[in-house]
Protein backbone atom coordinates (compact mmCIF):
# COMPACT_ATOMS: atom_id res chain seq x y z
CA UNK A 1 0.00 0.00 0.00
CA UNK A 2 1.29 3.45 -0.88
CA UNK A 3 2.21 5.82 1.91
CA UNK A 4 -0.31 8.66 2.29
CA UNK A 5 0.80 11.81 0.49
CA UNK A 6 -0.36 13.98 3.38
CA UNK A 7 0.62 13.20 6.95
CA UNK A 8 -0.43 15.14 10.03
CA UNK A 9 0.30 15.86 13.67
CA UNK A 10 -3.34 16.07 14.81
CA UNK A 11 -3.13 13.30 17.39
CA UNK A 12 -0.04 14.85 19.01
CA UNK A 13 -1.58 18.33 18.95
CA UNK A 14 -4.82 17.04 20.51
CA UNK A 15 -2.82 15.40 23.30
CA UNK A 16 -0.85 18.60 23.91
CA UNK A 17 -4.11 20.58 23.98
CA UNK A 18 -5.27 18.97 27.20
CA UNK A 19 -6.05 15.62 25.56
CA UNK A 20 -8.77 17.11 23.36
CA UNK A 21 -10.96 14.34 21.94
CA UNK A 22 -11.61 13.74 18.26
CA UNK A 23 -15.26 14.64 18.94
CA UNK A 24 -14.29 17.97 20.54
CA UNK A 25 -12.05 18.87 17.61
CA UNK A 26 -14.75 17.85 15.14
CA UNK A 27 -17.30 19.99 16.93
CA UNK A 28 -14.98 22.99 16.88
CA UNK A 29 -14.42 22.81 13.12
CA UNK A 30 -17.86 21.55 12.06
CA UNK A 31 -17.19 17.91 11.13
CA UNK A 32 -17.93 14.55 12.75
CA UNK A 33 -15.63 12.60 15.06
CA UNK A 34 -15.40 9.96 12.34
CA UNK A 35 -14.07 12.54 9.89
CA UNK A 36 -11.38 13.62 12.36
CA UNK A 37 -10.45 9.96 12.95
CA UNK A 38 -10.14 9.35 9.20
CA UNK A 39 -8.03 12.50 8.65
CA UNK A 40 -5.81 11.58 11.62
CA UNK A 41 -5.29 8.06 10.27
CA UNK A 42 -4.36 9.36 6.83
CA UNK A 43 -7.36 7.65 5.22
CA UNK A 44 -8.97 10.92 4.17
CA UNK A 45 -7.51 14.26 3.12
CA UNK A 46 -9.34 17.20 4.64
CA UNK A 47 -10.73 20.00 2.54
CA UNK A 48 -8.52 23.06 2.48
CA UNK A 49 -11.05 24.85 4.68
CA UNK A 50 -11.06 22.03 7.25
CA UNK A 51 -7.26 21.93 7.25
CA UNK A 52 -7.05 25.66 7.96
CA UNK A 53 -9.71 25.37 10.68
CA UNK A 54 -7.81 22.53 12.38
CA UNK A 55 -4.58 24.56 12.31
CA UNK A 56 -6.45 27.57 13.71
CA UNK A 57 -7.87 25.54 16.63
CA UNK A 58 -4.31 24.66 17.67
CA UNK A 59 -2.90 28.11 16.87
CA UNK A 60 -0.37 26.58 14.47
CA UNK A 61 0.63 27.32 10.89
CA UNK A 62 -0.81 24.85 8.40
CA UNK A 63 2.55 23.19 7.75
CA UNK A 64 3.02 22.46 11.47
CA UNK A 65 -0.16 20.38 11.33
CA UNK A 66 -0.01 18.83 7.84
CA UNK A 67 3.01 17.67 5.85
CA UNK A 68 3.01 16.96 2.13
CA UNK A 69 5.13 13.96 1.16
CA UNK A 70 5.12 14.69 -2.55
PDB file of N, CA and C in Angstrom:
ATOM      1  N   UNK A   1       0.846  -1.200   0.000  1.00  0.00           N
ATOM      2  CA  UNK A   1       0.000   0.000   0.000  1.00  0.00           C
ATOM      3  C   UNK A   1       0.882   1.251   0.000  1.00  0.00           C
ATOM      4  N   UNK A   2       0.521   2.222  -0.790  1.00  0.00           N
ATOM      5  CA  UNK A   2       1.293   3.454  -0.877  1.00  0.00           C
ATOM      6  C   UNK A   2       1.157   4.275   0.400  1.00  0.00           C
ATOM      7  N   UNK A   3       2.228   4.946   0.743  1.00  0.00           N
ATOM      8  CA  UNK A   3       2.211   5.825   1.905  1.00  0.00           C
ATOM      9  C   UNK A   3       1.329   7.031   1.584  1.00  0.00           C
ATOM     10  N   UNK A   4       0.535   7.488   2.562  1.00  0.00           N
ATOM     11  CA  UNK A   4      -0.314   8.656   2.288  1.00  0.00           C
ATOM     12  C   UNK A   4       0.543   9.865   1.894  1.00  0.00           C
ATOM     13  N   UNK A   5       0.063  10.634   0.947  1.00  0.00           N
ATOM     14  CA  UNK A   5       0.804  11.807   0.487  1.00  0.00           C
ATOM     15  C   UNK A   5       0.797  12.918   1.537  1.00  0.00           C
ATOM     16  N   UNK A   6      -0.260  12.957   2.348  1.00  0.00           N
ATOM     17  CA  UNK A   6      -0.365  13.984   3.381  1.00  0.00           C
ATOM     18  C   UNK A   6      -0.351  13.304   4.740  1.00  0.00           C
ATOM     19  N   UNK A   7       0.595  13.699   5.582  1.00  0.00           N
ATOM     20  CA  UNK A   7       0.625  13.205   6.954  1.00  0.00           C
ATOM     21  C   UNK A   7       0.265  14.366   7.868  1.00  0.00           C
ATOM     22  N   UNK A   8      -0.027  14.064   9.131  1.00  0.00           N
ATOM     23  CA  UNK A   8      -0.433  15.139  10.032  1.00  0.00           C
ATOM     24  C   UNK A   8      -0.004  14.864  11.463  1.00  0.00           C
ATOM     25  N   UNK A   9      -0.073  15.917  12.259  1.00  0.00           N
ATOM     26  CA  UNK A   9       0.301  15.864  13.673  1.00  0.00           C
ATOM     27  C   UNK A   9      -0.919  16.053  14.569  1.00  0.00           C
ATOM     28  N   UNK A  10      -2.115  15.770  14.059  1.00  0.00           N
ATOM     29  CA  UNK A  10      -3.339  16.071  14.814  1.00  0.00           C
ATOM     30  C   UNK A  10      -3.381  15.335  16.146  1.00  0.00           C
ATOM     31  N   UNK A  11      -3.063  14.060  16.137  1.00  0.00           N
ATOM     32  CA  UNK A  11      -3.129  13.301  17.389  1.00  0.00           C
ATOM     33  C   UNK A  11      -2.215  13.910  18.462  1.00  0.00           C
ATOM     34  N   UNK A  12      -0.990  14.233  18.077  1.00  0.00           N
ATOM     35  CA  UNK A  12      -0.037  14.851  19.008  1.00  0.00           C
ATOM     36  C   UNK A  12      -0.563  16.198  19.494  1.00  0.00           C
ATOM     37  N   UNK A  13      -1.070  17.009  18.577  1.00  0.00           N
ATOM     38  CA  UNK A  13      -1.578  18.329  18.947  1.00  0.00           C
ATOM     39  C   UNK A  13      -2.793  18.228  19.868  1.00  0.00           C
ATOM     40  N   UNK A  14      -3.669  17.238  19.624  1.00  0.00           N
ATOM     41  CA  UNK A  14      -4.825  17.042  20.512  1.00  0.00           C
ATOM     42  C   UNK A  14      -4.349  16.691  21.918  1.00  0.00           C
ATOM     43  N   UNK A  15      -3.352  15.804  22.000  1.00  0.00           N
ATOM     44  CA  UNK A  15      -2.822  15.398  23.298  1.00  0.00           C
ATOM     45  C   UNK A  15      -2.231  16.598  24.030  1.00  0.00           C
ATOM     46  N   UNK A  16      -1.482  17.425  23.305  1.00  0.00           N
ATOM     47  CA  UNK A  16      -0.854  18.595  23.909  1.00  0.00           C
ATOM     48  C   UNK A  16      -1.874  19.667  24.285  1.00  0.00           C
ATOM     49  N   UNK A  17      -3.054  19.609  23.674  1.00  0.00           N
ATOM     50  CA  UNK A  17      -4.111  20.584  23.976  1.00  0.00           C
ATOM     51  C   UNK A  17      -5.043  20.019  25.050  1.00  0.00           C
ATOM     52  N   UNK A  18      -4.461  19.482  26.104  1.00  0.00           N
ATOM     53  CA  UNK A  18      -5.273  18.972  27.203  1.00  0.00           C
ATOM     54  C   UNK A  18      -6.034  17.712  26.850  1.00  0.00           C
ATOM     55  N   UNK A  19      -5.428  16.872  25.986  1.00  0.00           N
ATOM     56  CA  UNK A  19      -6.055  15.621  25.562  1.00  0.00           C
ATOM     57  C   UNK A  19      -7.445  15.840  24.959  1.00  0.00           C
ATOM     58  N   UNK A  20      -7.535  16.840  24.093  1.00  0.00           N
ATOM     59  CA  UNK A  20      -8.773  17.108  23.357  1.00  0.00           C
ATOM     60  C   UNK A  20      -9.200  15.844  22.609  1.00  0.00           C
ATOM     61  N   UNK A  21     -10.483  15.530  22.650  1.00  0.00           N
ATOM     62  CA  UNK A  21     -10.958  14.339  21.944  1.00  0.00           C
ATOM     63  C   UNK A  21     -11.187  14.645  20.461  1.00  0.00           C
ATOM     64  N   UNK A  22     -11.279  13.580  19.674  1.00  0.00           N
ATOM     65  CA  UNK A  22     -11.612  13.741  18.256  1.00  0.00           C
ATOM     66  C   UNK A  22     -12.969  14.414  18.122  1.00  0.00           C
ATOM     67  N   UNK A  23     -13.913  14.046  18.987  1.00  0.00           N
ATOM     68  CA  UNK A  23     -15.259  14.637  18.935  1.00  0.00           C
ATOM     69  C   UNK A  23     -15.209  16.135  19.222  1.00  0.00           C
ATOM     70  N   UNK A  24     -14.407  16.539  20.212  1.00  0.00           N
ATOM     71  CA  UNK A  24     -14.290  17.969  20.544  1.00  0.00           C
ATOM     72  C   UNK A  24     -13.701  18.747  19.375  1.00  0.00           C
ATOM     73  N   UNK A  25     -12.660  18.190  18.753  1.00  0.00           N
ATOM     74  CA  UNK A  25     -12.050  18.871  17.606  1.00  0.00           C
ATOM     75  C   UNK A  25     -13.046  18.957  16.458  1.00  0.00           C
ATOM     76  N   UNK A  26     -13.741  17.852  16.199  1.00  0.00           N
ATOM     77  CA  UNK A  26     -14.745  17.853  15.138  1.00  0.00           C
ATOM     78  C   UNK A  26     -15.812  18.903  15.359  1.00  0.00           C
ATOM     79  N   UNK A  27     -16.269  19.010  16.602  1.00  0.00           N
ATOM     80  CA  UNK A  27     -17.302  19.994  16.932  1.00  0.00           C
ATOM     81  C   UNK A  27     -16.796  21.415  16.694  1.00  0.00           C
ATOM     82  N   UNK A  28     -15.550  21.649  17.029  1.00  0.00           N
ATOM     83  CA  UNK A  28     -14.981  22.992  16.878  1.00  0.00           C
ATOM     84  C   UNK A  28     -14.801  23.406  15.427  1.00  0.00           C
ATOM     85  N   UNK A  29     -14.618  22.434  14.529  1.00  0.00           N
ATOM     86  CA  UNK A  29     -14.423  22.808  13.119  1.00  0.00           C
ATOM     87  C   UNK A  29     -15.617  22.450  12.236  1.00  0.00           C
ATOM     88  N   UNK A  30     -16.635  21.813  12.819  1.00  0.00           N
ATOM     89  CA  UNK A  30     -17.856  21.546  12.062  1.00  0.00           C
ATOM     90  C   UNK A  30     -17.868  20.258  11.270  1.00  0.00           C
ATOM     91  N   UNK A  31     -17.143  19.232  11.766  1.00  0.00           N
ATOM     92  CA  UNK A  31     -17.188  17.911  11.127  1.00  0.00           C
ATOM     93  C   UNK A  31     -17.430  16.856  12.204  1.00  0.00           C
ATOM     94  N   UNK A  32     -17.657  15.620  11.785  1.00  0.00           N
ATOM     95  CA  UNK A  32     -17.929  14.551  12.752  1.00  0.00           C
ATOM     96  C   UNK A  32     -16.631  13.998  13.343  1.00  0.00           C
ATOM     97  N   UNK A  33     -16.769  13.285  14.443  1.00  0.00           N
ATOM     98  CA  UNK A  33     -15.629  12.600  15.060  1.00  0.00           C
ATOM     99  C   UNK A  33     -15.012  11.618  14.067  1.00  0.00           C
ATOM    100  N   UNK A  34     -15.884  10.949  13.307  1.00  0.00           N
ATOM    101  CA  UNK A  34     -15.401   9.962  12.340  1.00  0.00           C
ATOM    102  C   UNK A  34     -14.518  10.616  11.273  1.00  0.00           C
ATOM    103  N   UNK A  35     -14.881  11.828  10.874  1.00  0.00           N
ATOM    104  CA  UNK A  35     -14.071  12.544   9.888  1.00  0.00           C
ATOM    105  C   UNK A  35     -12.700  12.867  10.462  1.00  0.00           C
ATOM    106  N   UNK A  36     -12.664  13.334  11.707  1.00  0.00           N
ATOM    107  CA  UNK A  36     -11.381  13.624  12.358  1.00  0.00           C
ATOM    108  C   UNK A  36     -10.548  12.347  12.446  1.00  0.00           C
ATOM    109  N   UNK A  37     -11.177  11.244  12.833  1.00  0.00           N
ATOM    110  CA  UNK A  37     -10.455   9.958  12.949  1.00  0.00           C
ATOM    111  C   UNK A  37      -9.850   9.563  11.607  1.00  0.00           C
ATOM    112  N   UNK A  38     -10.615   9.723  10.534  1.00  0.00           N
ATOM    113  CA  UNK A  38     -10.136   9.349   9.198  1.00  0.00           C
ATOM    114  C   UNK A  38      -8.998  10.258   8.739  1.00  0.00           C
ATOM    115  N   UNK A  39      -9.101  11.561   9.009  1.00  0.00           N
ATOM    116  CA  UNK A  39      -8.031  12.500   8.649  1.00  0.00           C
ATOM    117  C   UNK A  39      -6.768  12.140   9.436  1.00  0.00           C
ATOM    118  N   UNK A  40      -6.942  11.918  10.736  1.00  0.00           N
ATOM    119  CA  UNK A  40      -5.815  11.584  11.618  1.00  0.00           C
ATOM    120  C   UNK A  40      -5.090  10.326  11.142  1.00  0.00           C
ATOM    121  N   UNK A  41      -5.859   9.343  10.708  1.00  0.00           N
ATOM    122  CA  UNK A  41      -5.293   8.060  10.272  1.00  0.00           C
ATOM    123  C   UNK A  41      -4.715   8.107   8.858  1.00  0.00           C
ATOM    124  N   UNK A  42      -4.882   9.240   8.184  1.00  0.00           N
ATOM    125  CA  UNK A  42      -4.358   9.364   6.826  1.00  0.00           C
ATOM    126  C   UNK A  42      -5.220   8.671   5.787  1.00  0.00           C
ATOM    127  N   UNK A  43      -6.459   8.329   6.160  1.00  0.00           N
ATOM    128  CA  UNK A  43      -7.360   7.649   5.222  1.00  0.00           C
ATOM    129  C   UNK A  43      -8.182   8.632   4.403  1.00  0.00           C
ATOM    130  N   UNK A  44      -8.140   9.903   4.810  1.00  0.00           N
ATOM    131  CA  UNK A  44      -8.970  10.919   4.168  1.00  0.00           C
ATOM    132  C   UNK A  44      -8.211  12.236   4.229  1.00  0.00           C
ATOM    133  N   UNK A  45      -8.138  12.933   3.121  1.00  0.00           N
ATOM    134  CA  UNK A  45      -7.511  14.258   3.121  1.00  0.00           C
ATOM    135  C   UNK A  45      -8.584  15.301   3.378  1.00  0.00           C
ATOM    136  N   UNK A  46      -8.326  16.187   4.332  1.00  0.00           N
ATOM    137  CA  UNK A  46      -9.339  17.205   4.641  1.00  0.00           C
ATOM    138  C   UNK A  46      -9.471  18.205   3.500  1.00  0.00           C
ATOM    139  N   UNK A  47     -10.605  18.880   3.472  1.00  0.00           N
ATOM    140  CA  UNK A  47     -10.734  20.002   2.541  1.00  0.00           C
ATOM    141  C   UNK A  47      -9.742  21.070   2.994  1.00  0.00           C
ATOM    142  N   UNK A  48      -9.429  21.979   2.120  1.00  0.00           N
ATOM    143  CA  UNK A  48      -8.524  23.063   2.475  1.00  0.00           C
ATOM    144  C   UNK A  48      -9.099  23.862   3.641  1.00  0.00           C
ATOM    145  N   UNK A  49     -10.396  24.109   3.597  1.00  0.00           N
ATOM    146  CA  UNK A  49     -11.051  24.854   4.680  1.00  0.00           C
ATOM    147  C   UNK A  49     -10.914  24.112   6.015  1.00  0.00           C
ATOM    148  N   UNK A  50     -11.175  22.810   6.011  1.00  0.00           N
ATOM    149  CA  UNK A  50     -11.063  22.029   7.253  1.00  0.00           C
ATOM    150  C   UNK A  50      -9.624  22.033   7.754  1.00  0.00           C
ATOM    151  N   UNK A  51      -8.668  21.918   6.854  1.00  0.00           N
ATOM    152  CA  UNK A  51      -7.260  21.925   7.253  1.00  0.00           C
ATOM    153  C   UNK A  51      -6.894  23.242   7.933  1.00  0.00           C
ATOM    154  N   UNK A  52      -7.322  24.353   7.345  1.00  0.00           N
ATOM    155  CA  UNK A  52      -7.050  25.658   7.962  1.00  0.00           C
ATOM    156  C   UNK A  52      -7.754  25.794   9.311  1.00  0.00           C
ATOM    157  N   UNK A  53      -8.976  25.292   9.405  1.00  0.00           N
ATOM    158  CA  UNK A  53      -9.706  25.365  10.683  1.00  0.00           C
ATOM    159  C   UNK A  53      -9.010  24.556  11.771  1.00  0.00           C
ATOM    160  N   UNK A  54      -8.527  23.359  11.404  1.00  0.00           N
ATOM    161  CA  UNK A  54      -7.811  22.527  12.377  1.00  0.00           C
ATOM    162  C   UNK A  54      -6.565  23.265  12.863  1.00  0.00           C
ATOM    163  N   UNK A  55      -5.790  23.822  11.938  1.00  0.00           N
ATOM    164  CA  UNK A  55      -4.581  24.559  12.311  1.00  0.00           C
ATOM    165  C   UNK A  55      -4.930  25.736  13.222  1.00  0.00           C
ATOM    166  N   UNK A  56      -6.033  26.419  12.919  1.00  0.00           N
ATOM    167  CA  UNK A  56      -6.452  27.569  13.712  1.00  0.00           C
ATOM    168  C   UNK A  56      -6.826  27.165  15.144  1.00  0.00           C
ATOM    169  N   UNK A  57      -7.497  26.025  15.300  1.00  0.00           N
ATOM    170  CA  UNK A  57      -7.865  25.538  16.632  1.00  0.00           C
ATOM    171  C   UNK A  57      -6.620  25.397  17.500  1.00  0.00           C
ATOM    172  N   UNK A  58      -5.538  24.893  16.904  1.00  0.00           N
ATOM    173  CA  UNK A  58      -4.313  24.664  17.669  1.00  0.00           C
ATOM    174  C   UNK A  58      -3.367  25.864  17.668  1.00  0.00           C
ATOM    175  N   UNK A  59      -3.742  26.926  16.934  1.00  0.00           N
ATOM    176  CA  UNK A  59      -2.896  28.113  16.875  1.00  0.00           C
ATOM    177  C   UNK A  59      -1.565  27.848  16.193  1.00  0.00           C
ATOM    178  N   UNK A  60      -1.591  26.982  15.181  1.00  0.00           N
ATOM    179  CA  UNK A  60      -0.369  26.580  14.474  1.00  0.00           C
ATOM    180  C   UNK A  60      -0.477  26.933  12.998  1.00  0.00           C
ATOM    181  N   UNK A  61       0.669  27.161  12.349  1.00  0.00           N
ATOM    182  CA  UNK A  61       0.633  27.319  10.895  1.00  0.00           C
ATOM    183  C   UNK A  61       0.250  25.984  10.253  1.00  0.00           C
ATOM    184  N   UNK A  62      -0.338  26.043   9.091  1.00  0.00           N
ATOM    185  CA  UNK A  62      -0.812  24.845   8.402  1.00  0.00           C
ATOM    186  C   UNK A  62       0.277  23.776   8.272  1.00  0.00           C
ATOM    187  N   UNK A  63       1.504  24.195   7.957  1.00  0.00           N
ATOM    188  CA  UNK A  63       2.549  23.195   7.747  1.00  0.00           C
ATOM    189  C   UNK A  63       3.132  22.626   9.041  1.00  0.00           C
ATOM    190  N   UNK A  64       2.685  23.114  10.199  1.00  0.00           N
ATOM    191  CA  UNK A  64       3.018  22.463  11.471  1.00  0.00           C
ATOM    192  C   UNK A  64       2.035  21.316  11.751  1.00  0.00           C
ATOM    193  N   UNK A  65       0.877  21.384  11.113  1.00  0.00           N
ATOM    194  CA  UNK A  65      -0.164  20.377  11.334  1.00  0.00           C
ATOM    195  C   UNK A  65      -0.128  19.308  10.240  1.00  0.00           C
ATOM    196  N   UNK A  66       0.013  19.744   8.988  1.00  0.00           N
ATOM    197  CA  UNK A  66      -0.005  18.829   7.843  1.00  0.00           C
ATOM    198  C   UNK A  66       1.319  18.900   7.092  1.00  0.00           C
ATOM    199  N   UNK A  67       1.791  17.727   6.640  1.00  0.00           N
ATOM    200  CA  UNK A  67       3.014  17.674   5.851  1.00  0.00           C
ATOM    201  C   UNK A  67       2.707  16.958   4.535  1.00  0.00           C
ATOM    202  N   UNK A  68       3.202  17.529   3.466  1.00  0.00           N
ATOM    203  CA  UNK A  68       3.015  16.955   2.134  1.00  0.00           C
ATOM    204  C   UNK A  68       4.246  16.131   1.792  1.00  0.00           C
ATOM    205  N   UNK A  69       4.030  14.877   1.483  1.00  0.00           N
ATOM    206  CA  UNK A  69       5.132  13.957   1.163  1.00  0.00           C
ATOM    207  C   UNK A  69       5.207  13.722  -0.337  1.00  0.00           C
ATOM    208  N   UNK A  70       5.176  14.808  -1.107  1.00  0.00           N
ATOM    209  CA  UNK A  70       5.123  14.694  -2.550  1.00  0.00           C
ATOM    210  C   UNK A  70       6.264  14.044  -3.135  1.00  0.00           C
TER     211      UNK A  70
END
